[in-house]
C-alpha atoms as a PDB file:
ATOM      1  CA  MET A   1       5.340  22.065   8.622  1.00  0.00           C
ATOM      2  CA  SER A   2       5.443  25.600   9.883  1.00  0.00           C
ATOM      3  CA  GLY A   3       5.341  28.151   7.151  1.00  0.00           C
ATOM      4  CA  VAL A   4       2.724  26.281   5.116  1.00  0.00           C
ATOM      5  CA  ARG A   5      -0.636  27.958   4.849  1.00  0.00           C
ATOM      6  CA  PRO A   6      -3.406  25.398   5.454  1.00  0.00           C
ATOM      7  CA  GLU A   7      -5.645  26.933   2.803  1.00  0.00           C
ATOM      8  CA  THR A   8      -3.000  26.305   0.116  1.00  0.00           C
ATOM      9  CA  ALA A   9      -1.909  22.874   1.213  1.00  0.00           C
ATOM     10  CA  ALA A  10      -3.299  20.076  -0.921  1.00  0.00           C
ATOM     11  CA  PRO A  11      -4.200  16.779   0.781  1.00  0.00           C
ATOM     12  CA  ARG A  12      -1.413  14.222   0.922  1.00  0.00           C
ATOM     13  CA  GLY A  13      -1.618  10.445   1.150  1.00  0.00           C
ATOM     14  CA  GLY A  14      -5.135   9.176   1.573  1.00  0.00           C
ATOM     15  CA  SER A  15      -5.262   6.448  -0.997  1.00  0.00           C
ATOM     16  CA  ALA A  16      -8.005   3.920  -1.340  1.00  0.00           C
ATOM     17  CA  SER A  17      -7.196   0.243  -1.212  1.00  0.00           C
ATOM     18  CA  ARG A  18      -7.448  -0.234  -4.929  1.00  0.00           C
ATOM     19  CA  GLY A  19      -5.283   1.922  -7.146  1.00  0.00           C
ATOM     20  CA  GLY A  20      -3.996   3.651  -4.087  1.00  0.00           C
ATOM     21  CA  ALA A  21      -0.731   4.940  -5.327  1.00  0.00           C
ATOM     22  CA  GLY A  22      -0.878   7.774  -2.837  1.00  0.00           C
ATOM     23  CA  THR A  23       0.304  11.267  -3.558  1.00  0.00           C
ATOM     24  CA  ARG A  24       3.568  13.078  -3.260  1.00  0.00           C
ATOM     25  CA  GLY A  25       4.288  16.620  -2.232  1.00  0.00           C
ATOM     26  CA  THR A  26       6.435  18.581  -4.630  1.00  0.00           C
ATOM     27  CA  THR A  27       8.254  21.835  -4.384  1.00  0.00           C
ATOM     28  CA  GLY A  28      10.394  23.892  -6.722  1.00  0.00           C
ATOM     29  CA  ALA A  29      13.860  22.909  -7.847  1.00  0.00           C
ATOM     30  CA  ARG A  30      15.691  25.366  -5.575  1.00  0.00           C
ATOM     31  CA  SER A  31      18.515  24.114  -3.390  1.00  0.00           C
ATOM     32  CA  GLY A  32      17.865  23.202   0.260  1.00  0.00           C
ATOM     33  CA  ALA A  33      19.880  26.192   1.468  1.00  0.00           C
ATOM     34  CA  ALA A  34      17.874  28.617  -0.680  1.00  0.00           C
ATOM     35  CA  ARG A  35      14.585  27.140   0.528  1.00  0.00           C
ATOM     36  CA  GLY A  36      15.663  27.401   4.159  1.00  0.00           C
ATOM     37  CA  ALA A  37      16.831  30.995   3.776  1.00  0.00           C
ATOM     38  CA  ASN A  38      13.634  32.126   2.074  1.00  0.00           C
ATOM     39  CA  ARG A  39      11.364  30.411   4.583  1.00  0.00           C
ATOM     40  CA  ALA A  40      13.338  31.942   7.402  1.00  0.00           C
ATOM     41  CA  GLY A  41      12.564  35.304   5.797  1.00  0.00           C
ATOM     42  CA  GLY A  42       8.832  34.585   6.067  1.00  0.00           C
ATOM     43  CA  GLU A  43       8.159  32.992   2.659  1.00  0.00           C
ATOM     44  CA  GLU A  44       5.474  30.360   2.720  1.00  0.00           C
ATOM     45  CA  ARG A  45       5.346  27.484   0.279  1.00  0.00           C
ATOM     46  CA  ALA A  46       2.274  25.698  -0.992  1.00  0.00           C
ATOM     47  CA  LEU A  47       2.195  21.917  -1.184  1.00  0.00           C
ATOM     48  CA  THR A  48       0.825  20.266  -4.287  1.00  0.00           C
ATOM     49  CA  SER A  49      -0.193  16.697  -4.949  1.00  0.00           C
ATOM     50  CA  VAL A  50       0.104  14.503  -8.008  1.00  0.00           C
ATOM     51  CA  ALA A  51      -2.637  12.046  -8.936  1.00  0.00           C
ATOM     52  CA  ALA A  52      -1.640   8.447  -9.674  1.00  0.00           C
ATOM     53  CA  GLY A  53      -2.062   8.802 -13.443  1.00  0.00           C
ATOM     54  CA  ASP A  54      -0.393  12.208 -13.760  1.00  0.00           C
ATOM     55  CA  ARG A  55       3.121  12.517 -15.153  1.00  0.00           C
ATOM     56  CA  PHE A  56       5.918  14.860 -14.307  1.00  0.00           C
ATOM     57  CA  ARG A  57       7.386  16.755 -17.228  1.00  0.00           C
ATOM     58  CA  GLY A  58       9.746  14.453 -19.117  1.00  0.00           C
ATOM     59  CA  GLU A  59       8.631  11.214 -17.454  1.00  0.00           C
ATOM     60  CA  GLU A  60       8.472   8.088 -19.532  1.00  0.00           C
ATOM     61  CA  PRO A  61       5.320   5.935 -19.716  1.00  0.00           C
ATOM     62  CA  GLU A  62       6.838   3.322 -17.378  1.00  0.00           C
ATOM     63  CA  HIS A  63       6.216   5.723 -14.480  1.00  0.00           C
ATOM     64  CA  VAL A  64       2.433   5.450 -14.713  1.00  0.00           C
ATOM     65  CA  PRO A  65       0.637   3.082 -12.304  1.00  0.00           C
ATOM     66  CA  ARG A  66       1.251  -0.615 -12.786  1.00  0.00           C
ATOM     67  CA  LEU A  67       0.384  -3.853 -11.007  1.00  0.00           C
ATOM     68  CA  TRP A  68       2.310  -5.199  -8.017  1.00  0.00           C
ATOM     69  CA  HIS A  69       1.782  -8.582  -6.363  1.00  0.00           C
ATOM     70  CA  VAL A  70       1.669  -8.138  -2.579  1.00  0.00           C
ATOM     71  CA  THR A  71       2.058 -10.786   0.107  1.00  0.00           C
ATOM     72  CA  LEU A  72       1.403  -9.479   3.623  1.00  0.00           C
ATOM     73  CA  SER A  73       2.186 -11.732   6.614  1.00  0.00           C
ATOM     74  CA  VAL A  74       0.860 -11.015  10.104  1.00  0.00           C
ATOM     75  CA  SER A  75       1.111 -12.841  13.423  1.00  0.00           C
ATOM     76  CA  GLY A  76       0.367 -12.462  17.101  1.00  0.00           C
ATOM     77  CA  ALA A  77      -1.392 -14.017  20.063  1.00  0.00           C
ATOM     78  CA  ARG A  78      -3.683 -16.961  19.405  1.00  0.00           C
ATOM     79  CA  ALA A  79      -7.242 -16.145  18.389  1.00  0.00           C
ATOM     80  CA  PRO A  80     -10.210 -18.463  17.767  1.00  0.00           C
ATOM     81  CA  LEU A  81     -10.013 -19.837  14.216  1.00  0.00           C
ATOM     82  CA  THR A  82     -13.658 -19.037  13.524  1.00  0.00           C
ATOM     83  CA  GLU A  83     -13.074 -15.373  14.408  1.00  0.00           C
ATOM     84  CA  VAL A  84      -9.923 -15.163  12.278  1.00  0.00           C
ATOM     85  CA  ARG A  85     -11.734 -16.701   9.301  1.00  0.00           C
ATOM     86  CA  ARG A  86     -14.764 -14.430   9.725  1.00  0.00           C
ATOM     87  CA  ALA A  87     -12.515 -11.339   9.946  1.00  0.00           C
ATOM     88  CA  LEU A  88     -10.552 -12.274   6.821  1.00  0.00           C
ATOM     89  CA  GLU A  89     -13.789 -12.980   4.948  1.00  0.00           C
ATOM     90  CA  GLN A  90     -15.081  -9.563   5.999  1.00  0.00           C
ATOM     91  CA  LEU A  91     -11.844  -7.939   4.804  1.00  0.00           C
ATOM     92  CA  ALA A  92     -12.178  -9.752   1.459  1.00  0.00           C
ATOM     93  CA  HIS A  93     -15.812  -8.634   1.203  1.00  0.00           C
ATOM     94  CA  ASP A  94     -14.902  -5.016   1.965  1.00  0.00           C
ATOM     95  CA  HIS A  95     -11.951  -5.110  -0.449  1.00  0.00           C
ATOM     96  CA  PRO A  96     -12.623  -7.492  -3.338  1.00  0.00           C
ATOM     97  CA  PHE A  97      -9.121  -6.968  -4.732  1.00  0.00           C
ATOM     98  CA  LEU A  98      -7.854  -9.521  -2.184  1.00  0.00           C
ATOM     99  CA  LEU A  99      -6.978 -12.731  -3.999  1.00  0.00           C
ATOM    100  CA  THR A 100      -6.457 -15.173  -1.201  1.00  0.00           C
ATOM    101  CA  SER A 101      -5.912 -15.342   2.517  1.00  0.00           C
ATOM    102  CA  ARG A 102      -4.473 -18.227   4.485  1.00  0.00           C
ATOM    103  CA  TYR A 103      -4.726 -18.356   8.230  1.00  0.00           C
ATOM    104  CA  ALA A 104      -4.016 -20.222  11.451  1.00  0.00           C
ATOM    105  CA  ASP A 105      -4.860 -19.276  15.025  1.00  0.00           C
ATOM    106  CA  ASP A 106      -1.694 -17.172  15.415  1.00  0.00           C
ATOM    107  CA  HIS A 107      -0.767 -15.982  11.905  1.00  0.00           C
ATOM    108  CA  ALA A 108      -2.164 -15.187   8.470  1.00  0.00           C
ATOM    109  CA  GLU A 109      -1.032 -14.340   4.963  1.00  0.00           C
ATOM    110  CA  ILE A 110      -2.894 -12.078   2.551  1.00  0.00           C
ATOM    111  CA  ARG A 111      -2.103 -11.976  -1.163  1.00  0.00           C
ATOM    112  CA  TYR A 112      -3.449  -9.498  -3.693  1.00  0.00           C
ATOM    113  CA  TRP A 113      -2.657  -7.248  -6.630  1.00  0.00           C
ATOM    114  CA  GLU A 114      -2.150  -3.532  -6.007  1.00  0.00           C
ATOM    115  CA  GLU A 115      -2.056  -0.818  -8.652  1.00  0.00           C
ATOM    116  CA  ALA A 116       0.554   1.815  -7.808  1.00  0.00           C
ATOM    117  CA  ARG A 117       3.062   4.149  -9.426  1.00  0.00           C
ATOM    118  CA  ASP A 118       6.059   2.363  -7.905  1.00  0.00           C
ATOM    119  CA  LEU A 119       7.087  -0.222  -5.327  1.00  0.00           C
ATOM    120  CA  HIS A 120       7.273   2.368  -2.547  1.00  0.00           C
ATOM    121  CA  ASP A 121       3.634   3.368  -3.026  1.00  0.00           C
ATOM    122  CA  ALA A 122       2.453  -0.265  -3.228  1.00  0.00           C
ATOM    123  CA  ALA A 123       4.370  -1.135  -0.055  1.00  0.00           C
ATOM    124  CA  ALA A 124       3.006   1.895   1.799  1.00  0.00           C
ATOM    125  CA  VAL A 125      -0.583   0.871   1.002  1.00  0.00           C
ATOM    126  CA  ALA A 126       0.159  -2.722   2.046  1.00  0.00           C
ATOM    127  CA  LEU A 127       1.688  -1.660   5.351  1.00  0.00           C
ATOM    128  CA  ARG A 128      -1.465   0.304   6.202  1.00  0.00           C
ATOM    129  CA  LEU A 129      -3.948  -2.398   5.180  1.00  0.00           C
ATOM    130  CA  TRP A 130      -4.039  -4.463   8.393  1.00  0.00           C
ATOM    131  CA  GLY A 131      -4.089  -1.559  10.844  1.00  0.00           C
ATOM    132  CA  GLU A 132      -6.600   0.543   8.945  1.00  0.00           C
ATOM    133  CA  HIS A 133      -9.092  -2.301   8.690  1.00  0.00           C
ATOM    134  CA  ARG A 134      -8.495  -3.952  12.057  1.00  0.00           C
ATOM    135  CA  GLN A 135     -11.678  -2.573  13.626  1.00  0.00           C
ATOM    136  CA  THR A 136     -14.005  -2.504  10.610  1.00  0.00           C
ATOM    137  CA  ALA A 137     -13.267  -6.146   9.708  1.00  0.00           C
ATOM    138  CA  GLY A 138     -12.689  -7.331  13.293  1.00  0.00           C
ATOM    139  CA  LEU A 139      -9.126  -8.447  12.549  1.00  0.00           C
ATOM    140  CA  PRO A 140      -6.979  -9.761  15.412  1.00  0.00           C
ATOM    141  CA  PRO A 141      -4.495  -7.274  16.940  1.00  0.00           C
ATOM    142  CA  TRP A 142      -1.574  -8.925  15.171  1.00  0.00           C
ATOM    143  CA  GLU A 143       1.511  -7.198  13.856  1.00  0.00           C
ATOM    144  CA  ILE A 144       2.899  -7.235  10.342  1.00  0.00           C
ATOM    145  CA  VAL A 145       5.876  -9.592  10.272  1.00  0.00           C
ATOM    146  CA  GLY A 146       6.504  -9.845   6.540  1.00  0.00           C
ATOM    147  CA  LEU A 147       5.907  -8.017   3.299  1.00  0.00           C
ATOM    148  CA  GLU A 148       6.819  -8.923  -0.253  1.00  0.00           C
ATOM    149  CA  VAL A 149       6.005  -6.634  -3.161  1.00  0.00           C
ATOM    150  CA  ILE A 150       7.023  -7.737  -6.652  1.00  0.00           C
ATOM    151  CA  ASP A 151       6.088  -6.446 -10.070  1.00  0.00           C
ATOM    152  CA  ARG A 152       3.855  -8.410 -12.410  1.00  0.00           C
ATOM    153  CA  ALA A 153       6.680  -9.554 -14.678  1.00  0.00           C
ATOM    154  CA  THR A 154       8.680 -10.951 -11.742  1.00  0.00           C
ATOM    155  CA  TYR A 155       5.612 -12.744 -10.402  1.00  0.00           C
ATOM    156  CA  HIS A 156       4.982 -14.425 -13.763  1.00  0.00           C
ATOM    157  CA  GLN A 157       8.697 -15.293 -14.197  1.00  0.00           C
ATOM    158  CA  ARG A 158       8.676 -17.040 -10.815  1.00  0.00           C
ATOM    159  CA  ILE A 159       5.555 -19.014 -11.634  1.00  0.00           C
ATOM    160  CA  ALA A 160       6.911 -20.012 -15.060  1.00  0.00           C
ATOM    161  CA  ALA A 161      10.195 -21.147 -13.484  1.00  0.00           C
ATOM    162  CA  GLY A 162       8.350 -23.261 -10.925  1.00  0.00           C
ATOM    163  CA  TYR A 163       9.293 -21.293  -7.840  1.00  0.00           C
ATOM    164  CA  GLY A 164       7.894 -18.385  -5.935  1.00  0.00           C
ATOM    165  CA  PRO A 165       4.408 -18.153  -4.513  1.00  0.00           C
ATOM    166  CA  ALA A 166       1.938 -20.727  -5.746  1.00  0.00           C
ATOM    167  CA  PRO A 167      -0.660 -19.272  -8.092  1.00  0.00           C
ATOM    168  CA  ALA A 168      -3.414 -17.569  -6.144  1.00  0.00           C
ATOM    169  CA  THR A 169      -5.948 -20.337  -6.674  1.00  0.00           C
ATOM    170  CA  PRO A 170      -8.281 -21.091  -5.179  1.00  0.00           C
ATOM    171  CA  VAL A 171      -9.291 -17.538  -4.481  1.00  0.00           C
ATOM    172  CA  GLY A 172     -10.750 -16.960  -1.032  1.00  0.00           C
ATOM    173  CA  VAL A 173     -10.000 -17.511   2.649  1.00  0.00           C
ATOM    174  CA  HIS A 174      -8.439 -20.879   3.556  1.00  0.00           C
ATOM    175  CA  PRO A 175      -6.651 -22.442   6.542  1.00  0.00           C
ATOM    176  CA  PHE A 176      -2.915 -23.146   6.207  1.00  0.00           C
END
């Protein structure tokens, strides 16, 4: 990121758990060769960010934030069931958007709704969830082994057709 003045760079990323669509850097519409040539000549470019509800010129309404159903699967070395349950309950307390968590001594599954501009943003938030809250919630040092992100319409089509994830009831933290 050489050539970018820190005082003009807007913050990137940094989304909260709920509605965390993230942000995207944007630059002008010049070609890559023109950008490279100008920067080589000493031109600096400023980064800008776009809030989740903002629209680019000409964008249709479908590009505003929408709901995504997320299923995050993690696993690792065995941990005491009471500690796993307590950690998942703490995560649910800290982030009430979590619908349900299922757990065993060596794996867990977390399901929730995320509001994001697109699938990429929803997946990025989901992939950070476990690691970012490992210490604050006391989560086991497990790795993410699965991620499914589907839009609301697909989720409801699956349920109506009798396949896909079971409805997220009862809400809460439960053993497998």
